[in-house]
C-alpha atoms as a PDB file:
ATOM      1  CA  MET A   1       0.000   0.000   0.000  1.00  0.00           C
ATOM      2  CA  LYS A   2       2.766   2.444   0.845  1.00  0.00           C
ATOM      3  CA  TYR A   3       4.418   1.764  -2.485  1.00  0.00           C
ATOM      4  CA  LYS A   4       1.254   2.773  -4.351  1.00  0.00           C
ATOM      5  CA  LYS A   5       0.996   6.036  -2.421  1.00  0.00           C
ATOM      6  CA  LYS A   6       4.601   6.852  -3.222  1.00  0.00           C
ATOM      7  CA  GLU A   7       4.024   6.010  -6.881  1.00  0.00           C
ATOM      8  CA  LYS A   8       0.983   8.304  -7.002  1.00  0.00           C
ATOM      9  CA  GLU A   9       2.965  11.155  -5.449  1.00  0.00           C
ATOM     10  CA  GLU A  10       5.697  10.749  -8.069  1.00  0.00           C
ATOM     11  CA  LEU A  11       3.125  10.820 -10.852  1.00  0.00           C
ATOM     12  CA  LEU A  12       1.538  13.962  -9.435  1.00  0.00           C
ATOM     13  CA  GLU A  13       4.944  15.638  -9.215  1.00  0.00           C
ATOM     14  CA  ALA A  14       5.698  14.668 -12.818  1.00  0.00           C
ATOM     15  CA  ASP A  15       2.335  16.052 -14.002  1.00  0.00           C
ATOM     16  CA  SER A  16       2.861  19.365 -12.213  1.00  0.00           C
ATOM     17  CA  SER A  17       6.375  19.743 -13.639  1.00  0.00           C
ATOM     18  CA  ILE A  18       5.029  19.092 -17.162  1.00  0.00           C
ATOM     19  CA  GLU A  19       2.369  21.761 -16.643  1.00  0.00           C
ATOM     20  CA  GLU A  20       4.984  24.209 -15.318  1.00  0.00           C
ATOM     21  CA  LYS A  21       7.175  23.520 -18.357  1.00  0.00           C
ATOM     22  CA  ASN A  22       4.237  24.157 -20.717  1.00  0.00           C
ATOM     23  CA  ILE A  23       3.447  27.452 -19.002  1.00  0.00           C
ATOM     24  CA  LEU A  24       7.108  28.456 -19.110  1.00  0.00           C
ATOM     25  CA  LYS A  25       7.329  27.481 -22.786  1.00  0.00           C
ATOM     26  CA  TYR A  26       4.193  29.503 -23.517  1.00  0.00           C
ATOM     27  CA  THR A  27       5.563  32.530 -21.692  1.00  0.00           C
ATOM     28  CA  LEU A  28       8.806  32.352 -23.654  1.00  0.00           C
ATOM     29  CA  VAL A  29       7.029  32.045 -27.010  1.00  0.00           C
ATOM     30  CA  ASP A  30       4.233  34.522 -26.415  1.00  0.00           C
ATOM     31  CA  ASN A  31       5.848  37.836 -25.547  1.00  0.00           C
ATOM     32  CA  LEU A  32       2.703  39.812 -26.364  1.00  0.00           C
ATOM     33  CA  HIS A  33       0.607  38.687 -23.414  1.00  0.00           C
ATOM     34  CA  ARG A  34       2.300  39.673 -20.180  1.00  0.00           C
ATOM     35  CA  PRO A  35       0.875  41.058 -16.956  1.00  0.00           C
ATOM     36  CA  PRO A  36      -0.783  43.476 -16.610  1.00  0.00           C
ATOM     37  CA  TYR A  37      -2.988  41.935 -19.283  1.00  0.00           C
ATOM     38  CA  GLN A  38      -4.870  44.268 -21.613  1.00  0.00           C
ATOM     39  CA  VAL A  39      -8.535  43.286 -21.803  1.00  0.00           C
ATOM     40  CA  ILE A  40     -11.204  44.787 -24.067  1.00  0.00           C
ATOM     41  CA  LEU A  41     -14.741  44.490 -22.686  1.00  0.00           C
ATOM     42  CA  ASP A  42     -17.738  43.724 -24.886  1.00  0.00           C
ATOM     43  CA  THR A  43     -21.282  44.942 -24.237  1.00  0.00           C
ATOM     44  CA  ASN A  44     -22.551  41.434 -23.469  1.00  0.00           C
ATOM     45  CA  PHE A  45     -19.803  40.865 -20.912  1.00  0.00           C
ATOM     46  CA  ILE A  46     -20.709  44.077 -19.099  1.00  0.00           C
ATOM     47  CA  ASN A  47     -24.387  43.111 -19.073  1.00  0.00           C
ATOM     48  CA  ASP A  48     -23.549  39.636 -17.743  1.00  0.00           C
ATOM     49  CA  CYS A  49     -21.479  41.152 -14.934  1.00  0.00           C
ATOM     50  CA  ILE A  50     -24.466  43.267 -13.913  1.00  0.00           C
ATOM     51  CA  ARG A  51     -26.893  40.365 -14.167  1.00  0.00           C
ATOM     52  CA  LYS A  52     -24.611  38.113 -12.081  1.00  0.00           C
ATOM     53  CA  LYS A  53     -23.772  40.980  -9.671  1.00  0.00           C
ATOM     54  CA  ILE A  54     -20.034  40.575 -10.248  1.00  0.00           C
ATOM     55  CA  GLU A  55     -17.392  43.292 -10.422  1.00  0.00           C
ATOM     56  CA  PRO A  56     -15.610  43.046 -13.810  1.00  0.00           C
ATOM     57  CA  VAL A  57     -12.169  43.937 -12.451  1.00  0.00           C
ATOM     58  CA  ASP A  58     -12.310  41.311  -9.707  1.00  0.00           C
ATOM     59  CA  VAL A  59     -13.472  38.501 -11.988  1.00  0.00           C
ATOM     60  CA  LEU A  60     -10.857  39.378 -14.645  1.00  0.00           C
ATOM     61  CA  MET A  61      -8.027  39.442 -12.115  1.00  0.00           C
ATOM     62  CA  GLU A  62      -9.183  36.134 -10.658  1.00  0.00           C
ATOM     63  CA  ALA A  63      -9.390  34.457 -14.079  1.00  0.00           C
ATOM     64  CA  LEU A  64      -5.966  35.632 -15.252  1.00  0.00           C
ATOM     65  CA  ASN A  65      -4.203  35.569 -11.854  1.00  0.00           C
ATOM     66  CA  ALA A  66      -2.662  38.957 -12.601  1.00  0.00           C
ATOM     67  CA  ASN A  67      -3.418  42.646 -12.824  1.00  0.00           C
ATOM     68  CA  VAL A  68      -5.437  43.810 -15.808  1.00  0.00           C
ATOM     69  CA  ASP A  69      -5.771  47.015 -17.787  1.00  0.00           C
ATOM     70  CA  ILE A  70      -9.344  47.432 -18.975  1.00  0.00           C
ATOM     71  CA  TYR A  71     -10.138  48.971 -22.352  1.00  0.00           C
ATOM     72  CA  ILE A  72     -13.586  49.898 -23.626  1.00  0.00           C
ATOM     73  CA  THR A  73     -14.268  51.133 -27.154  1.00  0.00           C
ATOM     74  CA  GLU A  74     -16.557  54.017 -28.024  1.00  0.00           C
ATOM     75  CA  CYS A  75     -18.749  51.497 -29.859  1.00  0.00           C
ATOM     76  CA  VAL A  76     -19.513  49.690 -26.608  1.00  0.00           C
ATOM     77  CA  PHE A  77     -20.453  53.003 -25.005  1.00  0.00           C
ATOM     78  CA  GLY A  78     -22.617  53.757 -28.056  1.00  0.00           C
ATOM     79  CA  GLU A  79     -24.390  50.387 -27.862  1.00  0.00           C
ATOM     80  CA  LEU A  80     -25.135  50.859 -24.167  1.00  0.00           C
ATOM     81  CA  GLU A  81     -26.449  54.378 -24.751  1.00  0.00           C
ATOM     82  CA  LYS A  82     -28.678  53.140 -27.591  1.00  0.00           C
ATOM     83  CA  LEU A  83     -30.170  50.437 -25.383  1.00  0.00           C
ATOM     84  CA  GLY A  84     -31.771  53.135 -23.230  1.00  0.00           C
ATOM     85  CA  ARG A  85     -32.660  53.578 -19.593  1.00  0.00           C
ATOM     86  CA  VAL A  86     -32.413  49.917 -18.672  1.00  0.00           C
ATOM     87  CA  PHE A  87     -28.683  49.899 -19.405  1.00  0.00           C
ATOM     88  CA  ARG A  88     -27.932  53.104 -17.533  1.00  0.00           C
ATOM     89  CA  ILE A  89     -26.704  50.881 -14.698  1.00  0.00           C
ATOM     90  CA  ALA A  90     -24.108  49.424 -17.079  1.00  0.00           C
ATOM     91  CA  LEU A  91     -22.941  52.896 -18.084  1.00  0.00           C
ATOM     92  CA  ASN A  92     -22.611  53.904 -14.431  1.00  0.00           C
ATOM     93  CA  MET A  93     -20.647  50.737 -13.661  1.00  0.00           C
ATOM     94  CA  ILE A  94     -18.254  51.390 -16.555  1.00  0.00           C
ATOM     95  CA  LYS A  95     -17.671  54.958 -15.430  1.00  0.00           C
ATOM     96  CA  ARG A  96     -16.946  53.720 -11.898  1.00  0.00           C
ATOM     97  CA  ILE A  97     -14.174  51.278 -12.867  1.00  0.00           C
ATOM     98  CA  ASN A  98     -10.721  52.389 -13.940  1.00  0.00           C
ATOM     99  CA  HIS A  99     -10.507  51.951 -17.722  1.00  0.00           C
ATOM    100  CA  THR A 100      -9.072  53.418 -20.900  1.00  0.00           C
ATOM    101  CA  ARG A 101     -11.497  54.555 -23.569  1.00  0.00           C
ATOM    102  CA  LEU A 102     -10.454  53.535 -27.087  1.00  0.00           C
ATOM    103  CA  ILE A 103     -11.428  55.962 -29.829  1.00  0.00           C
ATOM    104  CA  CYS A 104     -13.076  54.478 -32.913  1.00  0.00           C
ATOM    105  CA  ASP A 105     -12.530  56.054 -36.329  1.00  0.00           C
ATOM    106  CA  HIS A 106     -15.337  54.278 -38.186  1.00  0.00           C
ATOM    107  CA  LYS A 107     -18.998  55.025 -38.727  1.00  0.00           C
ATOM    108  CA  GLY A 108     -21.730  53.200 -36.865  1.00  0.00           C
ATOM    109  CA  THR A 109     -21.810  51.683 -33.422  1.00  0.00           C
ATOM    110  CA  TYR A 110     -21.678  47.934 -34.103  1.00  0.00           C
ATOM    111  CA  ALA A 111     -19.096  46.906 -31.522  1.00  0.00           C
ATOM    112  CA  ASP A 112     -18.467  43.315 -32.673  1.00  0.00           C
ATOM    113  CA  ASN A 113     -16.788  44.307 -35.946  1.00  0.00           C
ATOM    114  CA  CYS A 114     -14.864  47.062 -34.194  1.00  0.00           C
ATOM    115  CA  LEU A 115     -13.525  44.652 -31.561  1.00  0.00           C
ATOM    116  CA  LEU A 116     -12.632  42.075 -34.203  1.00  0.00           C
ATOM    117  CA  ASN A 117     -10.702  44.627 -36.282  1.00  0.00           C
ATOM    118  CA  ARG A 118      -8.941  46.079 -33.248  1.00  0.00           C
ATOM    119  CA  VAL A 119      -7.846  42.650 -32.029  1.00  0.00           C
ATOM    120  CA  ARG A 120      -6.734  41.674 -35.523  1.00  0.00           C
ATOM    121  CA  MET A 121      -4.491  44.768 -35.693  1.00  0.00           C
ATOM    122  CA  ASN A 122      -3.185  44.591 -32.087  1.00  0.00           C
ATOM    123  CA  LYS A 123      -2.628  41.047 -30.870  1.00  0.00           C
ATOM    124  CA  VAL A 124      -1.859  42.232 -27.322  1.00  0.00           C
ATOM    125  CA  PHE A 125      -5.512  42.304 -26.247  1.00  0.00           C
ATOM    126  CA  PHE A 126      -7.702  39.726 -24.586  1.00  0.00           C
ATOM    127  CA  VAL A 127     -11.421  40.035 -25.336  1.00  0.00           C
ATOM    128  CA  ALA A 128     -13.979  39.567 -22.557  1.00  0.00           C
ATOM    129  CA  THR A 129     -17.331  38.661 -24.110  1.00  0.00           C
ATOM    130  CA  SER A 130     -20.426  36.541 -23.592  1.00  0.00           C
ATOM    131  CA  ASP A 131     -21.316  36.580 -27.275  1.00  0.00           C
ATOM    132  CA  VAL A 132     -20.737  33.082 -28.690  1.00  0.00           C
ATOM    133  CA  ASN A 133     -20.745  34.370 -32.271  1.00  0.00           C
ATOM    134  CA  LEU A 134     -18.079  36.980 -31.530  1.00  0.00           C
ATOM    135  CA  LYS A 135     -16.002  34.427 -29.622  1.00  0.00           C
ATOM    136  CA  GLN A 136     -15.995  32.069 -32.604  1.00  0.00           C
ATOM    137  CA  ARG A 137     -15.090  34.856 -35.036  1.00  0.00           C
ATOM    138  CA  ILE A 138     -12.207  36.073 -32.878  1.00  0.00           C
ATOM    139  CA  THR A 139     -10.869  32.571 -32.253  1.00  0.00           C
ATOM    140  CA  LYS A 140     -11.139  31.627 -35.924  1.00  0.00           C
ATOM    141  CA  LYS A 141      -9.742  34.808 -37.506  1.00  0.00           C
ATOM    142  CA  CYS A 142      -7.307  36.127 -34.903  1.00  0.00           C
ATOM    143  CA  GLY A 143      -6.413  33.373 -32.470  1.00  0.00           C
ATOM    144  CA  THR A 144      -6.601  35.910 -29.658  1.00  0.00           C
ATOM    145  CA  PRO A 145      -7.450  34.696 -26.130  1.00  0.00           C
ATOM    146  CA  VAL A 146     -11.116  35.161 -25.226  1.00  0.00           C
ATOM    147  CA  LEU A 147     -12.560  35.389 -21.714  1.00  0.00           C
ATOM    148  CA  ILE A 148     -16.046  33.927 -21.325  1.00  0.00           C
ATOM    149  CA  PHE A 149     -18.343  32.984 -18.453  1.00  0.00           C
ATOM    150  CA  ARG A 150     -18.966  29.357 -17.576  1.00  0.00           C
ATOM    151  CA  GLY A 151     -21.621  29.654 -14.929  1.00  0.00           C
ATOM    152  CA  ARG A 152     -20.353  32.293 -12.508  1.00  0.00           C
ATOM    153  CA  LYS A 153     -16.691  31.603 -13.292  1.00  0.00           C
ATOM    154  CA  LEU A 154     -14.703  33.396 -15.982  1.00  0.00           C
ATOM    155  CA  VAL A 155     -12.516  31.175 -18.169  1.00  0.00           C
ATOM    156  CA  ALA A 156      -9.703  32.154 -20.536  1.00  0.00           C
ATOM    157  CA  GLU A 157     -10.064  30.224 -23.793  1.00  0.00           C
ATOM    158  CA  ASN A 158      -7.295  29.927 -26.362  1.00  0.00           C
ATOM    159  CA  PHE A 159      -4.775  31.327 -23.877  1.00  0.00           C
ATOM    160  CA  HIS A 160      -2.332  28.413 -23.595  1.00  0.00           C
ATOM    161  CA  SER A 161      -3.087  26.935 -27.014  1.00  0.00           C
ATOM    162  CA  LEU A 162      -1.077  29.621 -28.806  1.00  0.00           C
ATOM    163  CA  VAL A 163       2.158  27.681 -28.285  1.00  0.00           C
END
């Protein structure tokens, strides 16, 4: 019995060292994504945070285990303003958190295309969204890491698969 316990411990140690090596390898290859991570928020993500009564900064820092710089495009502000009084809470929440406002130079306020183009040009960003369609487009066209909710937990997809 003792031999089996010892064997299990050795296997666990080997697994953890493999995982550490993969993370180290990823960090060496991917010089673009380093803490503090730069995260662009989508309208759906903001609405989900309000619905789940979660602070965006806290959930982002917990998911990435590092500090984050939050970026919000003018298109996202435009979408929230267009949605009316109901989404005034979202606008107030955005104004309360520390963020950088990204200026858009295109016409219209459709944020999905704006986010996709911005991420395609600057690969340093993560995208926090709850929009499945946008997630698929970003993953397929850019390969950029996407943060999505799974229940109440935020998960980084396509983060370690860039190696």
